Amino acid sequence: QVQLGESGGGSVQAGGALRLSCASSGDKYSSYCMGWFRQAPGKAREGAATIDTGSGVTTYADSGKGRFTISQGNAKNTLYLEMNSLKPEDTAMYYCAATIKHCGTAVQALAANWFRYWGQGTQVTVSS
């Protein structure tokens, strides 16, 4: 079992920045796929960015390319999402996710059903 807990959400104005953190605990594995997903009211959960902890390969949704950066902490039990140049359309609940397998293809890496473990989410609100 893997437990995930997010922090760092908040309210910012358009053009601002936030850094989300996800602390993982529980069983340890040599490598797995971890990522950030988001869900706005009335919309499906969508992948924002993922990282294969074994290879370091990252995958970004088009919506966040050039603005979002996913990374791991030195101890590799913390996942970060740096978000810059935030837009009102980035407003959503952001979830940390993990699964005990590699991230697969770019499509698989951003698919919610690829992931087994989920955090409770942290709210990000961007005002215009």
N, C-alpha and C. Protein backbone atom coordinates (compact mmCIF):
# COMPACT_ATOMS: atom_id res chain seq x y z
N GLN A 1 0.82 -1.19 0.00
CA GLN A 1 0.00 0.00 0.00
C GLN A 1 0.86 1.25 0.00
N VAL A 2 0.40 2.25 -0.69
CA VAL A 2 1.07 3.54 -0.76
C VAL A 2 0.08 4.62 -0.36
N GLN A 3 0.48 5.48 0.56
CA GLN A 3 -0.36 6.60 0.95
C GLN A 3 0.23 7.89 0.39
N LEU A 4 -0.65 8.75 -0.07
CA LEU A 4 -0.23 10.00 -0.69
C LEU A 4 -0.95 11.17 -0.04
N GLY A 5 -0.24 12.25 0.20
CA GLY A 5 -0.85 13.44 0.78
C GLY A 5 -0.35 14.70 0.11
N GLU A 6 -1.27 15.48 -0.43
CA GLU A 6 -0.91 16.69 -1.16
C GLU A 6 -0.96 17.93 -0.26
N SER A 7 -0.19 18.94 -0.64
CA SER A 7 -0.23 20.24 0.01
C SER A 7 0.23 21.29 -0.98
N GLY A 8 0.01 22.55 -0.64
CA GLY A 8 0.53 23.63 -1.46
C GLY A 8 -0.48 24.33 -2.34
N GLY A 9 -1.71 23.87 -2.34
CA GLY A 9 -2.72 24.56 -3.14
C GLY A 9 -3.07 25.91 -2.53
N GLY A 10 -3.85 26.68 -3.26
CA GLY A 10 -4.25 27.98 -2.76
C GLY A 10 -4.88 28.82 -3.84
N SER A 11 -5.05 30.09 -3.55
CA SER A 11 -5.65 31.03 -4.49
C SER A 11 -4.61 32.03 -4.95
N VAL A 12 -4.50 32.19 -6.25
CA VAL A 12 -3.55 33.14 -6.82
C VAL A 12 -4.22 33.89 -7.97
N GLN A 13 -3.63 34.99 -8.35
CA GLN A 13 -4.10 35.72 -9.51
C GLN A 13 -3.45 35.16 -10.77
N ALA A 14 -4.10 35.38 -11.88
CA ALA A 14 -3.56 34.93 -13.16
C ALA A 14 -2.14 35.47 -13.34
N GLY A 15 -1.27 34.61 -13.83
CA GLY A 15 0.13 34.96 -14.00
C GLY A 15 0.99 34.57 -12.82
N GLY A 16 0.34 34.17 -11.73
CA GLY A 16 1.07 33.79 -10.53
C GLY A 16 1.61 32.36 -10.60
N ALA A 17 2.17 31.92 -9.49
CA ALA A 17 2.80 30.61 -9.43
C ALA A 17 2.44 29.90 -8.13
N LEU A 18 2.45 28.58 -8.18
CA LEU A 18 2.25 27.75 -7.00
C LEU A 18 3.15 26.53 -7.11
N ARG A 19 3.49 25.99 -5.97
CA ARG A 19 4.26 24.74 -5.93
C ARG A 19 3.48 23.74 -5.10
N LEU A 20 3.05 22.68 -5.73
CA LEU A 20 2.34 21.62 -5.03
C LEU A 20 3.34 20.55 -4.58
N SER A 21 3.06 19.96 -3.42
CA SER A 21 3.89 18.88 -2.90
C SER A 21 3.03 17.67 -2.62
N CYS A 22 3.63 16.50 -2.78
CA CYS A 22 2.96 15.25 -2.48
C CYS A 22 3.93 14.38 -1.70
N ALA A 23 3.55 14.05 -0.47
CA ALA A 23 4.38 13.17 0.35
C ALA A 23 3.84 11.76 0.26
N SER A 24 4.72 10.81 -0.01
CA SER A 24 4.31 9.41 -0.11
C SER A 24 4.85 8.63 1.07
N SER A 25 4.09 7.66 1.50
CA SER A 25 4.51 6.80 2.61
C SER A 25 3.94 5.41 2.37
N GLY A 26 4.40 4.46 3.17
CA GLY A 26 3.93 3.09 3.01
C GLY A 26 4.98 2.23 2.36
N ASP A 27 4.55 1.27 1.62
CA ASP A 27 5.48 0.33 0.98
C ASP A 27 6.39 1.06 0.00
N LYS A 28 7.64 0.63 -0.06
CA LYS A 28 8.61 1.24 -0.96
C LYS A 28 8.90 0.30 -2.12
N TYR A 29 9.04 0.87 -3.27
CA TYR A 29 9.35 0.09 -4.46
C TYR A 29 10.50 0.77 -5.20
N SER A 30 11.19 0.01 -6.01
CA SER A 30 12.36 0.57 -6.69
C SER A 30 11.97 1.63 -7.70
N SER A 31 10.85 1.46 -8.32
CA SER A 31 10.42 2.48 -9.28
C SER A 31 8.93 2.35 -9.52
N TYR A 32 8.32 3.45 -9.81
CA TYR A 32 6.92 3.46 -10.17
C TYR A 32 6.59 4.76 -10.88
N CYS A 33 5.40 4.85 -11.34
CA CYS A 33 4.93 6.04 -12.04
C CYS A 33 4.17 6.91 -11.05
N MET A 34 4.52 8.19 -10.99
CA MET A 34 3.81 9.13 -10.13
C MET A 34 3.41 10.34 -10.96
N GLY A 35 2.36 10.97 -10.54
CA GLY A 35 1.93 12.11 -11.33
C GLY A 35 0.92 13.00 -10.65
N TRP A 36 0.58 14.04 -11.36
CA TRP A 36 -0.42 15.01 -10.92
C TRP A 36 -1.56 15.03 -11.91
N PHE A 37 -2.76 14.94 -11.37
CA PHE A 37 -3.98 15.04 -12.15
C PHE A 37 -4.79 16.19 -11.62
N ARG A 38 -5.74 16.64 -12.41
CA ARG A 38 -6.60 17.72 -11.93
C ARG A 38 -8.02 17.49 -12.42
N GLN A 39 -8.94 18.03 -11.64
CA GLN A 39 -10.35 17.88 -11.98
C GLN A 39 -11.09 19.16 -11.64
N ALA A 40 -11.63 19.79 -12.66
CA ALA A 40 -12.44 20.98 -12.48
C ALA A 40 -13.90 20.56 -12.32
N PRO A 41 -14.72 21.39 -11.68
CA PRO A 41 -16.13 21.03 -11.48
C PRO A 41 -16.82 20.71 -12.81
N GLY A 42 -17.50 19.57 -12.85
CA GLY A 42 -18.24 19.18 -14.04
C GLY A 42 -17.39 18.60 -15.15
N LYS A 43 -16.10 18.44 -14.90
CA LYS A 43 -15.21 17.90 -15.93
C LYS A 43 -14.54 16.62 -15.46
N ALA A 44 -14.04 15.84 -16.41
CA ALA A 44 -13.35 14.60 -16.09
C ALA A 44 -11.97 14.90 -15.51
N ARG A 45 -11.47 13.96 -14.73
CA ARG A 45 -10.11 14.08 -14.20
C ARG A 45 -9.13 13.93 -15.36
N GLU A 46 -8.16 14.82 -15.42
CA GLU A 46 -7.19 14.78 -16.52
C GLU A 46 -5.77 14.83 -15.99
N GLY A 47 -4.88 14.16 -16.71
CA GLY A 47 -3.49 14.16 -16.33
C GLY A 47 -2.85 15.50 -16.64
N ALA A 48 -2.00 15.96 -15.71
CA ALA A 48 -1.27 17.21 -15.93
C ALA A 48 0.21 16.91 -16.20
N ALA A 49 0.79 16.06 -15.39
CA ALA A 49 2.20 15.73 -15.55
C ALA A 49 2.51 14.46 -14.78
N THR A 50 3.38 13.62 -15.34
CA THR A 50 3.78 12.39 -14.66
C THR A 50 5.28 12.19 -14.80
N ILE A 51 5.82 11.36 -13.91
CA ILE A 51 7.25 11.05 -13.95
C ILE A 51 7.44 9.58 -13.63
N ASP A 52 8.30 8.94 -14.38
CA ASP A 52 8.69 7.56 -14.10
C ASP A 52 9.87 7.65 -13.13
N THR A 53 9.67 7.20 -11.90
CA THR A 53 10.71 7.39 -10.89
C THR A 53 11.95 6.55 -11.18
N GLY A 54 11.83 5.52 -12.01
CA GLY A 54 12.99 4.72 -12.35
C GLY A 54 13.85 5.36 -13.42
N SER A 55 13.24 5.80 -14.50
CA SER A 55 13.98 6.38 -15.62
C SER A 55 14.09 7.90 -15.55
N GLY A 56 13.19 8.53 -14.80
CA GLY A 56 13.16 9.99 -14.75
C GLY A 56 12.42 10.63 -15.91
N VAL A 57 11.87 9.81 -16.78
CA VAL A 57 11.15 10.35 -17.94
C VAL A 57 9.88 11.04 -17.47
N THR A 58 9.64 12.24 -17.99
CA THR A 58 8.46 13.01 -17.64
C THR A 58 7.52 13.13 -18.84
N THR A 59 6.25 13.26 -18.53
CA THR A 59 5.24 13.45 -19.57
C THR A 59 4.33 14.59 -19.12
N TYR A 60 4.04 15.50 -20.03
CA TYR A 60 3.19 16.64 -19.72
C TYR A 60 2.01 16.70 -20.67
N ALA A 61 0.87 17.08 -20.11
CA ALA A 61 -0.26 17.39 -20.97
C ALA A 61 0.03 18.70 -21.69
N ASP A 62 -0.55 18.86 -22.87
CA ASP A 62 -0.32 20.07 -23.65
C ASP A 62 -0.67 21.33 -22.86
N SER A 63 -1.67 21.22 -22.00
CA SER A 63 -2.14 22.39 -21.25
C SER A 63 -1.08 22.97 -20.33
N GLY A 64 -0.14 22.11 -19.91
CA GLY A 64 0.86 22.59 -18.95
C GLY A 64 2.27 22.69 -19.49
N LYS A 65 2.48 22.27 -20.72
CA LYS A 65 3.83 22.31 -21.28
C LYS A 65 4.39 23.73 -21.29
N GLY A 66 5.61 23.84 -20.79
CA GLY A 66 6.25 25.14 -20.73
C GLY A 66 5.90 25.93 -19.48
N ARG A 67 4.88 25.50 -18.75
CA ARG A 67 4.47 26.22 -17.53
C ARG A 67 4.60 25.36 -16.28
N PHE A 68 4.39 24.05 -16.42
CA PHE A 68 4.44 23.13 -15.29
C PHE A 68 5.73 22.33 -15.33
N THR A 69 6.28 22.05 -14.13
CA THR A 69 7.45 21.19 -14.02
C THR A 69 7.23 20.20 -12.90
N ILE A 70 7.32 18.91 -13.22
CA ILE A 70 7.20 17.87 -12.22
C ILE A 70 8.59 17.41 -11.81
N SER A 71 8.77 17.13 -10.52
CA SER A 71 10.08 16.69 -10.05
C SER A 71 9.92 15.88 -8.78
N GLN A 72 11.00 15.17 -8.43
CA GLN A 72 11.03 14.40 -7.20
C GLN A 72 11.98 15.04 -6.22
N GLY A 73 11.70 14.84 -4.93
CA GLY A 73 12.63 15.27 -3.91
C GLY A 73 13.84 14.35 -3.87
N ASN A 74 14.88 14.75 -3.18
CA ASN A 74 16.10 13.95 -3.12
C ASN A 74 15.85 12.57 -2.53
N ALA A 75 14.98 12.49 -1.57
CA ALA A 75 14.68 11.20 -0.94
C ALA A 75 13.67 10.41 -1.76
N LYS A 76 13.19 10.99 -2.81
CA LYS A 76 12.24 10.35 -3.74
C LYS A 76 10.95 9.90 -3.08
N ASN A 77 10.67 10.43 -1.89
CA ASN A 77 9.37 10.15 -1.30
C ASN A 77 8.48 11.39 -1.35
N THR A 78 8.94 12.41 -2.07
CA THR A 78 8.15 13.62 -2.26
C THR A 78 8.11 13.97 -3.74
N LEU A 79 6.94 14.34 -4.18
CA LEU A 79 6.72 14.73 -5.57
C LEU A 79 6.28 16.18 -5.59
N TYR A 80 6.79 16.93 -6.56
CA TYR A 80 6.45 18.35 -6.66
C TYR A 80 5.85 18.66 -8.02
N LEU A 81 5.05 19.72 -8.04
CA LEU A 81 4.58 20.28 -9.31
C LEU A 81 4.72 21.79 -9.20
N GLU A 82 5.67 22.33 -9.93
CA GLU A 82 5.84 23.77 -10.02
C GLU A 82 4.95 24.28 -11.14
N MET A 83 4.10 25.23 -10.81
CA MET A 83 3.18 25.77 -11.81
C MET A 83 3.41 27.27 -11.93
N ASN A 84 3.75 27.71 -13.11
CA ASN A 84 3.99 29.12 -13.38
C ASN A 84 3.00 29.64 -14.41
N SER A 85 2.94 30.95 -14.51
CA SER A 85 2.05 31.61 -15.48
C SER A 85 0.64 31.02 -15.42
N LEU A 86 0.13 30.90 -14.22
CA LEU A 86 -1.17 30.25 -14.03
C LEU A 86 -2.29 31.03 -14.70
N LYS A 87 -3.26 30.27 -15.18
CA LYS A 87 -4.40 30.83 -15.89
C LYS A 87 -5.68 30.45 -15.15
N PRO A 88 -6.74 31.22 -15.31
CA PRO A 88 -8.01 30.84 -14.66
C PRO A 88 -8.45 29.42 -15.02
N GLU A 89 -8.14 28.97 -16.22
CA GLU A 89 -8.54 27.60 -16.62
C GLU A 89 -7.73 26.52 -15.92
N ASP A 90 -6.70 26.90 -15.15
CA ASP A 90 -5.96 25.93 -14.34
C ASP A 90 -6.68 25.65 -13.02
N THR A 91 -7.73 26.39 -12.74
CA THR A 91 -8.49 26.19 -11.51
C THR A 91 -9.07 24.78 -11.47
N ALA A 92 -8.74 24.04 -10.40
CA ALA A 92 -9.18 22.65 -10.28
C ALA A 92 -8.71 22.09 -8.95
N MET A 93 -9.21 20.92 -8.62
CA MET A 93 -8.64 20.13 -7.53
C MET A 93 -7.49 19.34 -8.15
N TYR A 94 -6.34 19.42 -7.53
CA TYR A 94 -5.17 18.71 -8.03
C TYR A 94 -4.89 17.50 -7.14
N TYR A 95 -4.71 16.36 -7.79
CA TYR A 95 -4.49 15.10 -7.10
C TYR A 95 -3.12 14.51 -7.43
N CYS A 96 -2.49 13.96 -6.42
CA CYS A 96 -1.27 13.19 -6.60
C CYS A 96 -1.67 11.73 -6.81
N ALA A 97 -0.97 11.04 -7.70
CA ALA A 97 -1.30 9.66 -8.00
C ALA A 97 -0.03 8.84 -8.17
N ALA A 98 -0.14 7.56 -7.92
CA ALA A 98 1.01 6.67 -8.07
C ALA A 98 0.54 5.28 -8.47
N THR A 99 1.41 4.56 -9.15
CA THR A 99 1.13 3.18 -9.48
C THR A 99 2.43 2.41 -9.51
N ILE A 100 2.37 1.11 -9.18
CA ILE A 100 3.58 0.31 -9.06
C ILE A 100 3.91 -0.35 -10.39
N LYS A 101 4.17 0.46 -11.38
CA LYS A 101 4.61 0.02 -12.69
C LYS A 101 5.15 1.25 -13.41
N HIS A 102 5.82 1.01 -14.51
CA HIS A 102 6.35 2.14 -15.26
C HIS A 102 5.20 2.93 -15.88
N CYS A 103 5.54 4.12 -16.35
CA CYS A 103 4.51 5.01 -16.85
C CYS A 103 3.95 4.61 -18.21
N GLY A 104 4.60 3.74 -18.92
CA GLY A 104 4.08 3.30 -20.21
C GLY A 104 4.21 4.38 -21.27
N THR A 105 3.30 4.34 -22.22
CA THR A 105 3.32 5.32 -23.30
C THR A 105 2.86 6.68 -22.77
N ALA A 106 3.01 7.70 -23.58
CA ALA A 106 2.57 9.04 -23.17
C ALA A 106 1.07 9.06 -22.88
N VAL A 107 0.31 8.31 -23.65
CA VAL A 107 -1.14 8.25 -23.42
C VAL A 107 -1.43 7.55 -22.10
N GLN A 108 -0.77 6.43 -21.86
CA GLN A 108 -0.98 5.69 -20.61
C GLN A 108 -0.57 6.53 -19.41
N ALA A 109 0.55 7.24 -19.54
CA ALA A 109 1.09 8.00 -18.42
C ALA A 109 0.14 9.09 -17.95
N LEU A 110 -0.72 9.58 -18.82
CA LEU A 110 -1.64 10.65 -18.45
C LEU A 110 -3.08 10.15 -18.28
N ALA A 111 -3.25 8.83 -18.21
CA ALA A 111 -4.58 8.26 -18.05
C ALA A 111 -4.85 7.94 -16.59
N ALA A 112 -5.94 8.42 -16.06
CA ALA A 112 -6.25 8.21 -14.64
C ALA A 112 -6.35 6.73 -14.30
N ASN A 113 -6.83 5.92 -15.25
CA ASN A 113 -7.01 4.50 -14.94
C ASN A 113 -5.69 3.74 -14.93
N TRP A 114 -4.58 4.38 -15.25
CA TRP A 114 -3.26 3.75 -15.15
C TRP A 114 -2.78 3.72 -13.71
N PHE A 115 -3.38 4.56 -12.86
CA PHE A 115 -2.88 4.77 -11.52
C PHE A 115 -3.75 4.07 -10.47
N ARG A 116 -3.09 3.57 -9.44
CA ARG A 116 -3.79 2.80 -8.42
C ARG A 116 -4.01 3.59 -7.13
N TYR A 117 -3.06 4.44 -6.79
CA TYR A 117 -3.13 5.12 -5.50
C TYR A 117 -3.35 6.62 -5.73
N TRP A 118 -4.19 7.19 -4.88
CA TRP A 118 -4.56 8.60 -5.03
C TRP A 118 -4.55 9.33 -3.69
N GLY A 119 -4.16 10.59 -3.73
CA GLY A 119 -4.29 11.43 -2.56
C GLY A 119 -5.67 12.06 -2.51
N GLN A 120 -5.91 12.88 -1.48
CA GLN A 120 -7.21 13.50 -1.28
C GLN A 120 -7.40 14.77 -2.10
N GLY A 121 -6.32 15.32 -2.60
CA GLY A 121 -6.41 16.49 -3.46
C GLY A 121 -6.13 17.79 -2.73
N THR A 122 -5.70 18.78 -3.48
CA THR A 122 -5.49 20.12 -2.96
C THR A 122 -6.05 21.11 -4.00
N GLN A 123 -6.79 22.09 -3.52
CA GLN A 123 -7.50 23.00 -4.42
C GLN A 123 -6.59 24.11 -4.91
N VAL A 124 -6.63 24.36 -6.21
CA VAL A 124 -5.94 25.49 -6.83
C VAL A 124 -6.99 26.38 -7.49
N THR A 125 -7.00 27.65 -7.12
CA THR A 125 -7.94 28.60 -7.69
C THR A 125 -7.16 29.78 -8.27
N VAL A 126 -7.38 30.05 -9.54
CA VAL A 126 -6.69 31.14 -10.22
C VAL A 126 -7.74 32.17 -10.66
N SER A 127 -7.60 33.37 -10.17
CA SER A 127 -8.56 34.42 -10.50
C SER A 127 -8.00 35.33 -11.58
N SER A 128 -8.90 35.86 -12.38
CA SER A 128 -8.46 36.74 -13.49
C SER A 128 -8.35 38.18 -13.04
